[in-house]
Amino acid sequence: MDRAVYIAMTGAKNNMLSQTSHSNNLANARTYGFKADWAQARAIPVWGEHHPSRAFALTERPASDFNDGALIETGNELDTAIAGDGFFAVIDGDGQEAYTRRGDFSVTPLGELINGIGQSVIGEGGPIVLPPYEKVEIGNDGTISIRPPGAGPNQMVVVDALKIVNPDFQNFEKGTDGLFRPINGPAVLPDDPLLSVVSGFVEGSNVNSVAELTNLLSLNRQYETQIKMMKTADDVSRSSERILQLS
């Protein structure tokens, strides 16, 4: 019975971990540029200095879903969505370069270009800082142009350009902060000038809320089944003990 209890226990534990992953997806169904996480479970044999007769369940996140989310028109001249592949480069909480699809940009009173959660956006020479302007435009190639104060209506000046990278998805993973980074090789990816953006739009989350809710309900039922299996195995073990006491 110990094998059944162990398998049921690890199954219940990993059902909870998988529910956490799907709950996080569902919670970010309205987060701009969010990429859903996949979760899968498999049986793993327990190896060691014994006969390999034990197995346990394991939940893992093999990858993220890199399919594009729907484009949402905002009319904001700073909001930007990537057309097709690519990721914006931003500064993470440790001051290092990381990557995201989130493009709800704004400008701070100091002229810093940031996204909706306050991360500095990287340009050609580092974090983008815009000089005073009356109007700002982001071109399809990612170039940022401004009209200086007092200039004519057509006197737009290019001041910087968004750094947009085209990573290898096989070597790219999401961190706990929601930002993506290369797994191996250089931590900083080069800019890809062939990528393009669309101004006045943001990319929505690619989470399928109905599918995530269905998965959560299914995992909850599996968890309850695992708990029942543990109780049943315990009842059978106690019955066996009573039989041995009577013999």
C-alpha atoms as a PDB file:
ATOM      1  CA  MET A   1       0.000   0.000   0.000  1.00  0.00           C
ATOM      2  CA  ASP A   2       2.920   2.342   0.519  1.00  0.00           C
ATOM      3  CA  ARG A   3       3.426   2.507  -3.249  1.00  0.00           C
ATOM      4  CA  ALA A   4      -0.185   3.535  -3.841  1.00  0.00           C
ATOM      5  CA  VAL A   5      -0.020   6.144  -1.085  1.00  0.00           C
ATOM      6  CA  TYR A   6       3.240   7.576  -2.451  1.00  0.00           C
ATOM      7  CA  ILE A   7       1.946   7.787  -6.024  1.00  0.00           C
ATOM      8  CA  ALA A   8      -1.327   9.386  -4.878  1.00  0.00           C
ATOM      9  CA  MET A   9       0.547  11.832  -2.646  1.00  0.00           C
ATOM     10  CA  THR A  10       2.904  12.992  -5.408  1.00  0.00           C
ATOM     11  CA  GLY A  11      -0.023  13.166  -7.813  1.00  0.00           C
ATOM     12  CA  ALA A  12      -1.989  15.404  -5.446  1.00  0.00           C
ATOM     13  CA  LYS A  13       1.042  17.615  -4.838  1.00  0.00           C
ATOM     14  CA  ASN A  14       1.670  18.104  -8.543  1.00  0.00           C
ATOM     15  CA  ASN A  15      -2.010  18.693  -9.230  1.00  0.00           C
ATOM     16  CA  MET A  16      -1.666  21.688  -6.888  1.00  0.00           C
ATOM     17  CA  LEU A  17       1.442  22.907  -8.722  1.00  0.00           C
ATOM     18  CA  SER A  18      -0.305  22.589 -12.063  1.00  0.00           C
ATOM     19  CA  GLN A  19      -3.308  24.500 -10.704  1.00  0.00           C
ATOM     20  CA  THR A  20      -0.914  27.291  -9.718  1.00  0.00           C
ATOM     21  CA  SER A  21       0.369  27.531 -13.296  1.00  0.00           C
ATOM     22  CA  HIS A  22      -3.118  27.624 -14.826  1.00  0.00           C
ATOM     23  CA  SER A  23      -4.325  30.082 -12.162  1.00  0.00           C
ATOM     24  CA  ASN A  24      -1.456  32.406 -13.071  1.00  0.00           C
ATOM     25  CA  ASN A  25      -2.463  32.196 -16.734  1.00  0.00           C
ATOM     26  CA  LEU A  26      -6.070  32.994 -15.892  1.00  0.00           C
ATOM     27  CA  ALA A  27      -5.034  35.910 -13.654  1.00  0.00           C
ATOM     28  CA  ASN A  28      -3.091  37.425 -16.578  1.00  0.00           C
ATOM     29  CA  ALA A  29      -5.808  37.003 -19.194  1.00  0.00           C
ATOM     30  CA  ARG A  30      -6.011  40.806 -19.492  1.00  0.00           C
ATOM     31  CA  THR A  31      -2.293  41.579 -19.096  1.00  0.00           C
ATOM     32  CA  TYR A  32      -0.808  43.200 -22.204  1.00  0.00           C
ATOM     33  CA  GLY A  33       1.724  41.025 -24.024  1.00  0.00           C
ATOM     34  CA  PHE A  34       1.386  38.093 -21.589  1.00  0.00           C
ATOM     35  CA  LYS A  35       2.344  34.649 -22.893  1.00  0.00           C
ATOM     36  CA  ALA A  36       0.573  31.667 -21.341  1.00  0.00           C
ATOM     37  CA  ASP A  37       2.609  28.916 -19.682  1.00  0.00           C
ATOM     38  CA  TRP A  38       2.103  25.297 -20.609  1.00  0.00           C
ATOM     39  CA  ALA A  39       2.099  22.622 -17.913  1.00  0.00           C
ATOM     40  CA  GLN A  40       2.450  18.873 -18.269  1.00  0.00           C
ATOM     41  CA  ALA A  41       2.686  15.893 -15.914  1.00  0.00           C
ATOM     42  CA  ARG A  42       4.551  12.622 -16.310  1.00  0.00           C
ATOM     43  CA  ALA A  43       5.594   9.611 -14.264  1.00  0.00           C
ATOM     44  CA  ILE A  44       9.231   9.452 -13.168  1.00  0.00           C
ATOM     45  CA  PRO A  45      10.913   6.337 -11.691  1.00  0.00           C
ATOM     46  CA  VAL A  46      12.647   6.779  -8.340  1.00  0.00           C
ATOM     47  CA  TRP A  47      16.272   5.743  -8.748  1.00  0.00           C
ATOM     48  CA  GLY A  48      18.741   5.060  -5.978  1.00  0.00           C
ATOM     49  CA  GLU A  49      20.462   2.259  -4.096  1.00  0.00           C
ATOM     50  CA  HIS A  50      17.430   0.009  -4.294  1.00  0.00           C
ATOM     51  CA  HIS A  51      15.316  -1.843  -6.802  1.00  0.00           C
ATOM     52  CA  PRO A  52      13.608   0.782  -9.022  1.00  0.00           C
ATOM     53  CA  SER A  53      10.068  -0.213  -8.091  1.00  0.00           C
ATOM     54  CA  ARG A  54       8.831   3.227  -7.097  1.00  0.00           C
ATOM     55  CA  ALA A  55       7.540   6.043  -9.287  1.00  0.00           C
ATOM     56  CA  PHE A  56       6.279   9.539  -8.667  1.00  0.00           C
ATOM     57  CA  ALA A  57       4.341  12.190 -10.539  1.00  0.00           C
ATOM     58  CA  LEU A  58       6.093  15.329 -11.801  1.00  0.00           C
ATOM     59  CA  THR A  59       4.556  18.546 -13.085  1.00  0.00           C
ATOM     60  CA  GLU A  60       6.779  20.722 -15.246  1.00  0.00           C
ATOM     61  CA  ARG A  61       6.528  23.803 -17.417  1.00  0.00           C
ATOM     62  CA  PRO A  62       8.017  22.714 -20.744  1.00  0.00           C
ATOM     63  CA  ALA A  63       7.648  26.109 -22.425  1.00  0.00           C
ATOM     64  CA  SER A  64       5.494  29.159 -22.928  1.00  0.00           C
ATOM     65  CA  ASP A  65       2.937  29.670 -25.652  1.00  0.00           C
ATOM     66  CA  PHE A  66       4.542  32.122 -28.092  1.00  0.00           C
ATOM     67  CA  ASN A  67       1.472  32.570 -30.282  1.00  0.00           C
ATOM     68  CA  ASP A  68       0.497  36.216 -30.776  1.00  0.00           C
ATOM     69  CA  GLY A  69      -2.267  37.792 -28.752  1.00  0.00           C
ATOM     70  CA  ALA A  70      -4.965  39.924 -30.354  1.00  0.00           C
ATOM     71  CA  LEU A  71      -4.114  43.523 -31.245  1.00  0.00           C
ATOM     72  CA  ILE A  72      -6.090  46.087 -29.250  1.00  0.00           C
ATOM     73  CA  GLU A  73      -6.459  49.569 -30.710  1.00  0.00           C
ATOM     74  CA  THR A  74      -5.912  52.298 -28.106  1.00  0.00           C
ATOM     75  CA  GLY A  75      -5.332  55.438 -30.163  1.00  0.00           C
ATOM     76  CA  ASN A  76      -2.400  56.319 -27.883  1.00  0.00           C
ATOM     77  CA  GLU A  77       0.526  57.431 -30.046  1.00  0.00           C
ATOM     78  CA  LEU A  78       3.011  55.748 -27.685  1.00  0.00           C
ATOM     79  CA  ASP A  79       1.308  52.350 -27.507  1.00  0.00           C
ATOM     80  CA  THR A  80       3.130  49.915 -29.759  1.00  0.00           C
ATOM     81  CA  ALA A  81       2.590  46.300 -30.794  1.00  0.00           C
ATOM     82  CA  ILE A  82       5.073  44.105 -32.631  1.00  0.00           C
ATOM     83  CA  ALA A  83       3.847  42.832 -35.989  1.00  0.00           C
ATOM     84  CA  GLY A  84       4.795  39.143 -36.017  1.00  0.00           C
ATOM     85  CA  ASP A  85       7.883  37.857 -34.249  1.00  0.00           C
ATOM     86  CA  GLY A  86      10.035  39.873 -31.884  1.00  0.00           C
ATOM     87  CA  PHE A  87      10.347  41.182 -28.335  1.00  0.00           C
ATOM     88  CA  PHE A  88      10.974  44.624 -26.862  1.00  0.00           C
ATOM     89  CA  ALA A  89      14.107  45.027 -24.759  1.00  0.00           C
ATOM     90  CA  VAL A  90      13.589  46.447 -21.253  1.00  0.00           C
ATOM     91  CA  ILE A  91      15.507  46.815 -17.990  1.00  0.00           C
ATOM     92  CA  ASP A  92      14.532  44.268 -15.329  1.00  0.00           C
ATOM     93  CA  GLY A  93      14.506  44.724 -11.544  1.00  0.00           C
ATOM     94  CA  ASP A  94      18.219  43.847 -11.340  1.00  0.00           C
ATOM     95  CA  GLY A  95      19.218  46.428 -13.935  1.00  0.00           C
ATOM     96  CA  GLN A  96      19.811  43.794 -16.625  1.00  0.00           C
ATOM     97  CA  GLU A  97      18.371  43.537 -20.117  1.00  0.00           C
ATOM     98  CA  ALA A  98      15.304  41.308 -20.528  1.00  0.00           C
ATOM     99  CA  TYR A  99      12.537  40.940 -23.094  1.00  0.00           C
ATOM    100  CA  THR A 100       8.775  41.368 -23.260  1.00  0.00           C
ATOM    101  CA  ARG A 101       5.932  41.831 -25.740  1.00  0.00           C
ATOM    102  CA  ARG A 102       4.272  44.448 -23.558  1.00  0.00           C
ATOM    103  CA  GLY A 103       4.030  47.728 -25.452  1.00  0.00           C
ATOM    104  CA  ASP A 104       1.812  50.064 -23.405  1.00  0.00           C
ATOM    105  CA  PHE A 105       4.413  52.814 -23.290  1.00  0.00           C
ATOM    106  CA  SER A 106       4.379  56.182 -21.559  1.00  0.00           C
ATOM    107  CA  VAL A 107       6.853  58.951 -20.781  1.00  0.00           C
ATOM    108  CA  THR A 108       7.794  59.958 -17.243  1.00  0.00           C
ATOM    109  CA  PRO A 109       8.254  63.621 -16.205  1.00  0.00           C
ATOM    110  CA  LEU A 110      12.009  63.032 -16.701  1.00  0.00           C
ATOM    111  CA  GLY A 111      11.466  61.896 -20.296  1.00  0.00           C
ATOM    112  CA  GLU A 112      12.075  58.190 -19.654  1.00  0.00           C
ATOM    113  CA  LEU A 113      10.123  55.797 -21.871  1.00  0.00           C
ATOM    114  CA  ILE A 114       8.591  53.049 -19.715  1.00  0.00           C
ATOM    115  CA  ASN A 115       5.990  50.325 -20.137  1.00  0.00           C
ATOM    116  CA  GLY A 116       2.824  49.829 -18.101  1.00  0.00           C
ATOM    117  CA  ILE A 117       4.622  48.311 -15.102  1.00  0.00           C
ATOM    118  CA  GLY A 118       7.400  50.899 -14.988  1.00  0.00           C
ATOM    119  CA  GLN A 119      10.177  49.018 -16.768  1.00  0.00           C
ATOM    120  CA  SER A 120      12.549  51.249 -18.772  1.00  0.00           C
ATOM    121  CA  VAL A 121      12.459  50.571 -22.503  1.00  0.00           C
ATOM    122  CA  ILE A 122      15.828  50.103 -24.229  1.00  0.00           C
ATOM    123  CA  GLY A 123      16.779  51.869 -27.432  1.00  0.00           C
ATOM    124  CA  GLU A 124      19.896  52.010 -29.588  1.00  0.00           C
ATOM    125  CA  GLY A 125      22.184  53.230 -26.809  1.00  0.00           C
ATOM    126  CA  GLY A 126      20.482  52.077 -23.625  1.00  0.00           C
ATOM    127  CA  PRO A 127      17.320  53.215 -21.811  1.00  0.00           C
ATOM    128  CA  ILE A 128      15.340  55.643 -23.951  1.00  0.00           C
ATOM    129  CA  VAL A 129      15.091  59.210 -22.646  1.00  0.00           C
ATOM    130  CA  LEU A 130      13.179  61.693 -24.789  1.00  0.00           C
ATOM    131  CA  PRO A 131      13.936  65.419 -24.867  1.00  0.00           C
ATOM    132  CA  PRO A 132      11.045  67.909 -24.472  1.00  0.00           C
ATOM    133  CA  TYR A 133       8.574  67.587 -27.338  1.00  0.00           C
ATOM    134  CA  GLU A 134       5.207  68.737 -28.612  1.00  0.00           C
ATOM    135  CA  LYS A 135       4.473  65.547 -30.531  1.00  0.00           C
ATOM    136  CA  VAL A 136       5.977  62.066 -30.652  1.00  0.00           C
ATOM    137  CA  GLU A 137       5.639  59.325 -33.250  1.00  0.00           C
ATOM    138  CA  ILE A 138       6.858  55.727 -33.423  1.00  0.00           C
ATOM    139  CA  GLY A 139       7.456  54.512 -36.973  1.00  0.00           C
ATOM    140  CA  ASN A 140       6.850  51.036 -38.365  1.00  0.00           C
ATOM    141  CA  ASP A 141      10.577  50.331 -38.083  1.00  0.00           C
ATOM    142  CA  GLY A 142      10.617  51.309 -34.392  1.00  0.00           C
ATOM    143  CA  THR A 143      12.219  54.727 -34.849  1.00  0.00           C
ATOM    144  CA  ILE A 144      11.042  57.401 -32.391  1.00  0.00           C
ATOM    145  CA  SER A 145      10.567  60.891 -33.806  1.00  0.00           C
ATOM    146  CA  ILE A 146       9.603  64.058 -31.965  1.00  0.00           C
ATOM    147  CA  ARG A 147       8.591  67.593 -32.886  1.00  0.00           C
ATOM    148  CA  PRO A 148      10.614  69.926 -30.667  1.00  0.00           C
ATOM    149  CA  PRO A 149       8.824  72.781 -28.910  1.00  0.00           C
ATOM    150  CA  GLY A 150       8.249  75.695 -31.283  1.00  0.00           C
ATOM    151  CA  ALA A 151       9.088  73.685 -34.423  1.00  0.00           C
ATOM    152  CA  GLY A 152       6.895  73.581 -37.510  1.00  0.00           C
ATOM    153  CA  PRO A 153       4.211  70.880 -37.926  1.00  0.00           C
ATOM    154  CA  ASN A 154       6.389  68.829 -40.291  1.00  0.00           C
ATOM    155  CA  GLN A 155       9.712  69.274 -38.510  1.00  0.00           C
ATOM    156  CA  MET A 156       9.984  65.819 -36.958  1.00  0.00           C
ATOM    157  CA  VAL A 157      13.388  64.735 -35.624  1.00  0.00           C
ATOM    158  CA  VAL A 158      14.441  61.113 -35.080  1.00  0.00           C
ATOM    159  CA  VAL A 159      15.844  60.813 -31.546  1.00  0.00           C
ATOM    160  CA  ASP A 160      16.085  57.050 -30.934  1.00  0.00           C
ATOM    161  CA  ALA A 161      14.698  53.657 -31.938  1.00  0.00           C
ATOM    162  CA  LEU A 162      13.175  50.767 -30.029  1.00  0.00           C
ATOM    163  CA  LYS A 163      15.426  47.763 -29.604  1.00  0.00           C
ATOM    164  CA  ILE A 164      13.497  44.768 -30.913  1.00  0.00           C
ATOM    165  CA  VAL A 165      15.080  41.307 -30.879  1.00  0.00           C
ATOM    166  CA  ASN A 166      14.139  38.078 -32.637  1.00  0.00           C
ATOM    167  CA  PRO A 167      15.063  35.246 -30.227  1.00  0.00           C
ATOM    168  CA  ASP A 168      15.324  31.511 -30.753  1.00  0.00           C
ATOM    169  CA  PHE A 169      12.270  30.176 -28.908  1.00  0.00           C
ATOM    170  CA  GLN A 170      14.077  26.905 -28.188  1.00  0.00           C
ATOM    171  CA  ASN A 171      16.606  28.899 -26.152  1.00  0.00           C
ATOM    172  CA  PHE A 172      14.202  31.349 -24.524  1.00  0.00           C
ATOM    173  CA  GLU A 173      12.308  31.086 -21.251  1.00  0.00           C
ATOM    174  CA  LYS A 174      10.149  33.186 -18.965  1.00  0.00           C
ATOM    175  CA  GLY A 175      11.361  34.146 -15.499  1.00  0.00           C
ATOM    176  CA  THR A 176       9.284  34.556 -12.350  1.00  0.00           C
ATOM    177  CA  ASP A 177       9.018  38.282 -13.105  1.00  0.00           C
ATOM    178  CA  GLY A 178       7.239  37.565 -16.394  1.00  0.00           C
ATOM    179  CA  LEU A 179      10.200  38.676 -18.537  1.00  0.00           C
ATOM    180  CA  PHE A 180      11.962  36.455 -21.053  1.00  0.00           C
ATOM    181  CA  ARG A 181      15.691  35.740 -21.242  1.00  0.00           C
ATOM    182  CA  PRO A 182      17.992  33.421 -23.236  1.00  0.00           C
ATOM    183  CA  ILE A 183      18.717  30.120 -21.494  1.00  0.00           C
ATOM    184  CA  ASN A 184      22.195  29.608 -22.930  1.00  0.00           C
ATOM    185  CA  GLY A 185      24.645  31.791 -24.790  1.00  0.00           C
ATOM    186  CA  PRO A 186      24.806  35.595 -24.671  1.00  0.00           C
ATOM    187  CA  ALA A 187      22.438  37.193 -22.175  1.00  0.00           C
ATOM    188  CA  VAL A 188      21.991  40.229 -24.455  1.00  0.00           C
ATOM    189  CA  LEU A 189      20.451  39.621 -27.882  1.00  0.00           C
ATOM    190  CA  PRO A 190      21.178  41.781 -30.939  1.00  0.00           C
ATOM    191  CA  ASP A 191      18.647  44.143 -32.465  1.00  0.00           C
ATOM    192  CA  ASP A 192      16.869  42.844 -35.581  1.00  0.00           C
ATOM    193  CA  PRO A 193      16.238  45.710 -38.055  1.00  0.00           C
ATOM    194  CA  LEU A 194      13.856  43.572 -40.149  1.00  0.00           C
ATOM    195  CA  LEU A 195      11.155  43.490 -37.476  1.00  0.00           C
ATOM    196  CA  SER A 196       8.298  45.976 -37.561  1.00  0.00           C
ATOM    197  CA  VAL A 197       5.771  47.478 -35.149  1.00  0.00           C
ATOM    198  CA  VAL A 198       2.299  48.999 -35.259  1.00  0.00           C
ATOM    199  CA  SER A 199       1.695  52.270 -33.417  1.00  0.00           C
ATOM    200  CA  GLY A 200      -1.568  52.989 -31.619  1.00  0.00           C
ATOM    201  CA  PHE A 201      -2.108  49.330 -30.692  1.00  0.00           C
ATOM    202  CA  VAL A 202      -1.088  47.001 -27.871  1.00  0.00           C
ATOM    203  CA  GLU A 203      -0.919  43.229 -27.950  1.00  0.00           C
ATOM    204  CA  GLY A 204      -3.335  41.502 -25.600  1.00  0.00           C
ATOM    205  CA  SER A 205      -2.704  38.320 -23.647  1.00  0.00           C
ATOM    206  CA  ASN A 206      -2.815  35.046 -25.604  1.00  0.00           C
ATOM    207  CA  VAL A 207      -4.497  33.232 -22.675  1.00  0.00           C
ATOM    208  CA  ASN A 208      -7.666  31.300 -23.532  1.00  0.00           C
ATOM    209  CA  SER A 209      -9.752  31.962 -20.410  1.00  0.00           C
ATOM    210  CA  VAL A 210     -12.289  29.222 -21.115  1.00  0.00           C
ATOM    211  CA  ALA A 211      -9.584  26.593 -21.623  1.00  0.00           C
ATOM    212  CA  GLU A 212      -7.725  27.662 -18.475  1.00  0.00           C
ATOM    213  CA  LEU A 213     -10.886  27.536 -16.361  1.00  0.00           C
ATOM    214  CA  THR A 214     -11.728  24.095 -17.755  1.00  0.00           C
ATOM    215  CA  ASN A 215      -8.215  22.874 -16.929  1.00  0.00           C
ATOM    216  CA  LEU A 216      -8.527  24.196 -13.375  1.00  0.00           C
ATOM    217  CA  LEU A 217     -11.807  22.338 -12.829  1.00  0.00           C
ATOM    218  CA  SER A 218     -10.313  19.138 -14.244  1.00  0.00           C
ATOM    219  CA  LEU A 219      -7.228  19.405 -12.035  1.00  0.00           C
ATOM    220  CA  ASN A 220      -9.381  20.029  -8.981  1.00  0.00           C
ATOM    221  CA  ARG A 221     -11.311  16.814  -9.651  1.00  0.00           C
ATOM    222  CA  GLN A 222      -8.026  14.943 -10.132  1.00  0.00           C
ATOM    223  CA  TYR A 223      -6.780  16.309  -6.805  1.00  0.00           C
ATOM    224  CA  GLU A 224      -9.898  15.084  -5.032  1.00  0.00           C
ATOM    225  CA  THR A 225      -9.442  11.646  -6.625  1.00  0.00           C
ATOM    226  CA  GLN A 226      -5.830  11.483  -5.417  1.00  0.00           C
ATOM    227  CA  ILE A 227      -6.926  12.322  -1.853  1.00  0.00           C
ATOM    228  CA  LYS A 228      -9.578   9.584  -1.988  1.00  0.00           C
ATOM    229  CA  MET A 229      -6.952   7.105  -3.218  1.00  0.00           C
ATOM    230  CA  MET A 230      -4.717   7.984  -0.258  1.00  0.00           C
ATOM    231  CA  LYS A 231      -7.598   7.413   2.162  1.00  0.00           C
ATOM    232  CA  THR A 232      -8.556   4.144   0.478  1.00  0.00           C
ATOM    233  CA  ALA A 233      -4.974   2.889   0.630  1.00  0.00           C
ATOM    234  CA  ASP A 234      -4.835   3.788   4.325  1.00  0.00           C
ATOM    235  CA  ASP A 235      -8.132   1.956   5.004  1.00  0.00           C
ATOM    236  CA  VAL A 236      -6.879  -1.162   3.185  1.00  0.00           C
ATOM    237  CA  SER A 237      -3.640  -1.060   5.174  1.00  0.00           C
ATOM    238  CA  ARG A 238      -5.549  -0.829   8.492  1.00  0.00           C
ATOM    239  CA  SER A 239      -7.792  -3.731   7.459  1.00  0.00           C
ATOM    240  CA  SER A 240      -4.731  -5.828   6.629  1.00  0.00           C
ATOM    241  CA  GLU A 241      -3.289  -5.065  10.058  1.00  0.00           C
ATOM    242  CA  ARG A 242      -6.494  -6.255  11.768  1.00  0.00           C
ATOM    243  CA  ILE A 243      -6.459  -9.502   9.761  1.00  0.00           C
ATOM    244  CA  LEU A 244      -2.866 -10.158  10.808  1.00  0.00           C
ATOM    245  CA  GLN A 245      -3.772  -9.523  14.450  1.00  0.00           C
ATOM    246  CA  LEU A 246      -6.568 -12.119  14.278  1.00  0.00           C
ATOM    247  CA  SER A 247      -4.460 -14.793  12.597  1.00  0.00           C
END
